[in-house]
Amino acid sequence: MSTHCQVTGRTPGFGKAVSHSHVRTNRRWNPNIQRKTYYVPSLGRRITVTVSAKGIKTIDRDGIDAVVARLRAQGVKL
């Protein structure tokens, strides 16, 4: 599963982990990615999307039909 949200576009953030002795090593901050299945009434079927926790909140706020329309306008295949 890729660490990319289809709704918000969130991807991992990269930086350095700094130890007590100030040794810096590379690390990454992964977004909270989930696979969710939604029923879309306008399509008459279920779709599975890879979304972050913030993407789930966006779907709850705007509705799945509005989010699917926005994704289709961007050219995402669902």
N, C-alpha and C. Protein backbone atom coordinates (compact mmCIF):
# COMPACT_ATOMS: atom_id res chain seq x y z
N MET A 1 0.84 -1.17 0.00
CA MET A 1 0.00 0.00 0.00
C MET A 1 0.89 1.24 0.00
N SER A 2 0.61 2.16 -0.91
CA SER A 2 1.42 3.36 -0.97
C SER A 2 1.04 4.31 0.16
N THR A 3 1.98 5.12 0.57
CA THR A 3 1.71 6.09 1.63
C THR A 3 1.35 7.42 0.99
N HIS A 4 0.22 7.42 0.28
CA HIS A 4 -0.25 8.61 -0.41
C HIS A 4 -1.75 8.65 -0.29
N CYS A 5 -2.29 9.78 0.19
CA CYS A 5 -3.73 9.93 0.35
C CYS A 5 -4.34 10.39 -0.97
N GLN A 6 -5.39 9.69 -1.43
CA GLN A 6 -6.02 10.06 -2.69
C GLN A 6 -6.86 11.32 -2.55
N VAL A 7 -7.33 11.64 -1.36
CA VAL A 7 -8.21 12.80 -1.17
C VAL A 7 -7.40 14.07 -0.91
N THR A 8 -6.49 14.02 0.05
CA THR A 8 -5.76 15.24 0.43
C THR A 8 -4.38 15.33 -0.23
N GLY A 9 -3.86 14.21 -0.75
CA GLY A 9 -2.55 14.22 -1.38
C GLY A 9 -1.40 14.17 -0.40
N ARG A 10 -1.67 13.84 0.85
CA ARG A 10 -0.61 13.79 1.84
C ARG A 10 0.38 12.67 1.55
N THR A 11 1.66 12.98 1.70
CA THR A 11 2.74 12.03 1.49
C THR A 11 3.65 12.08 2.71
N PRO A 12 4.59 11.15 2.84
CA PRO A 12 5.49 11.18 4.00
C PRO A 12 6.34 12.45 4.03
N GLY A 13 6.64 12.89 5.24
CA GLY A 13 7.56 14.00 5.45
C GLY A 13 8.92 13.44 5.82
N PHE A 14 9.98 14.09 5.38
CA PHE A 14 11.32 13.60 5.63
C PHE A 14 12.09 14.60 6.48
N GLY A 15 13.01 14.09 7.28
CA GLY A 15 13.82 14.95 8.12
C GLY A 15 14.91 14.15 8.81
N LYS A 16 15.36 14.67 9.93
CA LYS A 16 16.44 14.03 10.69
C LYS A 16 15.96 13.71 12.09
N ALA A 17 16.37 12.55 12.59
CA ALA A 17 16.19 12.21 14.00
C ALA A 17 17.48 12.62 14.70
N VAL A 18 17.37 13.39 15.77
CA VAL A 18 18.55 13.88 16.48
C VAL A 18 18.62 13.17 17.82
N SER A 19 19.71 12.44 18.04
CA SER A 19 19.87 11.70 19.28
C SER A 19 20.37 12.64 20.40
N HIS A 20 20.53 12.04 21.57
CA HIS A 20 21.01 12.83 22.71
C HIS A 20 22.41 13.37 22.44
N SER A 21 23.22 12.63 21.68
CA SER A 21 24.58 13.09 21.37
C SER A 21 24.61 13.93 20.08
N HIS A 22 23.45 14.29 19.57
CA HIS A 22 23.28 15.11 18.37
C HIS A 22 23.74 14.42 17.09
N VAL A 23 23.75 13.09 17.09
CA VAL A 23 23.99 12.35 15.86
C VAL A 23 22.70 12.39 15.06
N ARG A 24 22.80 12.84 13.82
CA ARG A 24 21.60 12.99 12.99
C ARG A 24 21.49 11.82 12.02
N THR A 25 20.32 11.17 12.03
CA THR A 25 20.05 10.09 11.09
C THR A 25 18.75 10.42 10.36
N ASN A 26 18.63 9.89 9.15
CA ASN A 26 17.44 10.16 8.35
C ASN A 26 16.24 9.42 8.91
N ARG A 27 15.09 10.03 8.81
CA ARG A 27 13.84 9.39 9.21
C ARG A 27 12.70 9.95 8.39
N ARG A 28 11.55 9.32 8.50
CA ARG A 28 10.39 9.83 7.79
C ARG A 28 9.15 9.74 8.67
N TRP A 29 8.25 10.69 8.48
CA TRP A 29 6.99 10.75 9.20
C TRP A 29 5.90 10.32 8.22
N ASN A 30 5.33 9.13 8.45
CA ASN A 30 4.31 8.61 7.56
C ASN A 30 2.93 9.15 7.93
N PRO A 31 2.10 9.48 6.96
CA PRO A 31 0.72 9.87 7.27
C PRO A 31 -0.07 8.64 7.70
N ASN A 32 -1.16 8.86 8.41
CA ASN A 32 -2.01 7.78 8.89
C ASN A 32 -2.92 7.34 7.74
N ILE A 33 -2.45 6.37 6.95
CA ILE A 33 -3.15 5.94 5.74
C ILE A 33 -4.02 4.72 6.04
N GLN A 34 -5.27 4.76 5.59
CA GLN A 34 -6.22 3.66 5.75
C GLN A 34 -6.84 3.33 4.40
N ARG A 35 -7.26 2.08 4.23
CA ARG A 35 -8.06 1.70 3.06
C ARG A 35 -9.51 1.65 3.51
N LYS A 36 -10.35 2.48 2.90
CA LYS A 36 -11.76 2.55 3.28
C LYS A 36 -12.62 2.25 2.07
N THR A 37 -13.74 1.57 2.31
CA THR A 37 -14.71 1.28 1.27
C THR A 37 -15.95 2.11 1.54
N TYR A 38 -16.39 2.85 0.53
CA TYR A 38 -17.58 3.70 0.63
C TYR A 38 -18.57 3.29 -0.44
N TYR A 39 -19.86 3.39 -0.12
CA TYR A 39 -20.90 3.21 -1.12
C TYR A 39 -21.20 4.57 -1.72
N VAL A 40 -21.14 4.68 -3.04
CA VAL A 40 -21.39 5.94 -3.73
C VAL A 40 -22.74 5.83 -4.44
N PRO A 41 -23.76 6.54 -3.95
CA PRO A 41 -25.09 6.42 -4.56
C PRO A 41 -25.14 6.87 -6.01
N SER A 42 -24.37 7.89 -6.38
CA SER A 42 -24.41 8.38 -7.76
C SER A 42 -23.85 7.35 -8.75
N LEU A 43 -22.90 6.53 -8.29
CA LEU A 43 -22.33 5.48 -9.14
C LEU A 43 -23.09 4.16 -9.00
N GLY A 44 -23.79 4.00 -7.88
CA GLY A 44 -24.53 2.77 -7.63
C GLY A 44 -23.64 1.60 -7.27
N ARG A 45 -22.45 1.87 -6.73
CA ARG A 45 -21.52 0.80 -6.37
C ARG A 45 -20.60 1.27 -5.24
N ARG A 46 -19.80 0.33 -4.76
CA ARG A 46 -18.81 0.64 -3.73
C ARG A 46 -17.49 1.00 -4.38
N ILE A 47 -16.74 1.88 -3.71
CA ILE A 47 -15.38 2.19 -4.16
C ILE A 47 -14.45 2.05 -2.95
N THR A 48 -13.23 1.66 -3.21
CA THR A 48 -12.21 1.56 -2.18
C THR A 48 -11.18 2.64 -2.44
N VAL A 49 -10.95 3.48 -1.43
CA VAL A 49 -9.99 4.57 -1.56
C VAL A 49 -8.94 4.45 -0.47
N THR A 50 -7.75 4.93 -0.77
CA THR A 50 -6.65 5.00 0.18
C THR A 50 -6.61 6.42 0.70
N VAL A 51 -7.00 6.60 1.96
CA VAL A 51 -7.14 7.94 2.51
C VAL A 51 -6.42 8.06 3.85
N SER A 52 -6.04 9.28 4.17
CA SER A 52 -5.47 9.57 5.48
C SER A 52 -6.61 9.85 6.45
N ALA A 53 -6.28 10.00 7.71
CA ALA A 53 -7.30 10.30 8.72
C ALA A 53 -7.96 11.64 8.42
N LYS A 54 -7.20 12.60 7.93
CA LYS A 54 -7.78 13.89 7.56
C LYS A 54 -8.66 13.75 6.32
N GLY A 55 -8.29 12.85 5.41
CA GLY A 55 -9.12 12.60 4.24
C GLY A 55 -10.48 12.01 4.62
N ILE A 56 -10.51 11.15 5.65
CA ILE A 56 -11.77 10.59 6.13
C ILE A 56 -12.65 11.70 6.68
N LYS A 57 -12.05 12.63 7.41
CA LYS A 57 -12.81 13.76 7.94
C LYS A 57 -13.33 14.65 6.82
N THR A 58 -12.55 14.81 5.75
CA THR A 58 -12.99 15.59 4.60
C THR A 58 -14.19 14.93 3.93
N ILE A 59 -14.17 13.61 3.79
CA ILE A 59 -15.29 12.89 3.21
C ILE A 59 -16.52 13.01 4.10
N ASP A 60 -16.34 12.94 5.42
CA ASP A 60 -17.46 13.10 6.34
C ASP A 60 -18.07 14.50 6.23
N ARG A 61 -17.22 15.50 6.02
CA ARG A 61 -17.70 16.89 5.96
C ARG A 61 -18.38 17.20 4.63
N ASP A 62 -17.73 16.84 3.51
CA ASP A 62 -18.23 17.23 2.19
C ASP A 62 -19.18 16.22 1.58
N GLY A 63 -19.07 14.96 1.97
CA GLY A 63 -19.87 13.90 1.38
C GLY A 63 -19.07 13.16 0.32
N ILE A 64 -19.36 11.87 0.19
CA ILE A 64 -18.58 11.03 -0.72
C ILE A 64 -18.83 11.41 -2.18
N ASP A 65 -20.06 11.85 -2.52
CA ASP A 65 -20.34 12.22 -3.90
C ASP A 65 -19.50 13.42 -4.35
N ALA A 66 -19.37 14.41 -3.48
CA ALA A 66 -18.58 15.60 -3.82
C ALA A 66 -17.11 15.26 -3.96
N VAL A 67 -16.61 14.39 -3.08
CA VAL A 67 -15.20 14.01 -3.12
C VAL A 67 -14.91 13.19 -4.37
N VAL A 68 -15.82 12.27 -4.73
CA VAL A 68 -15.63 11.46 -5.93
C VAL A 68 -15.66 12.34 -7.18
N ALA A 69 -16.55 13.32 -7.21
CA ALA A 69 -16.61 14.24 -8.35
C ALA A 69 -15.30 15.02 -8.48
N ARG A 70 -14.74 15.45 -7.35
CA ARG A 70 -13.48 16.19 -7.35
C ARG A 70 -12.33 15.29 -7.83
N LEU A 71 -12.31 14.04 -7.39
CA LEU A 71 -11.26 13.12 -7.80
C LEU A 71 -11.36 12.79 -9.29
N ARG A 72 -12.58 12.62 -9.79
CA ARG A 72 -12.76 12.34 -11.22
C ARG A 72 -12.34 13.53 -12.07
N ALA A 73 -12.56 14.75 -11.57
CA ALA A 73 -12.13 15.94 -12.31
C ALA A 73 -10.62 16.01 -12.39
N GLN A 74 -9.93 15.45 -11.38
CA GLN A 74 -8.47 15.41 -11.39
C GLN A 74 -7.93 14.27 -12.24
N GLY A 75 -8.81 13.35 -12.68
CA GLY A 75 -8.39 12.25 -13.52
C GLY A 75 -8.04 10.98 -12.78
N VAL A 76 -8.42 10.88 -11.50
CA VAL A 76 -8.15 9.69 -10.72
C VAL A 76 -9.18 8.62 -11.08
N LYS A 77 -8.70 7.41 -11.35
CA LYS A 77 -9.61 6.31 -11.68
C LYS A 77 -10.10 5.65 -10.40
N LEU A 78 -11.42 5.54 -10.28
CA LEU A 78 -12.01 4.91 -9.08
C LEU A 78 -12.81 3.69 -9.46
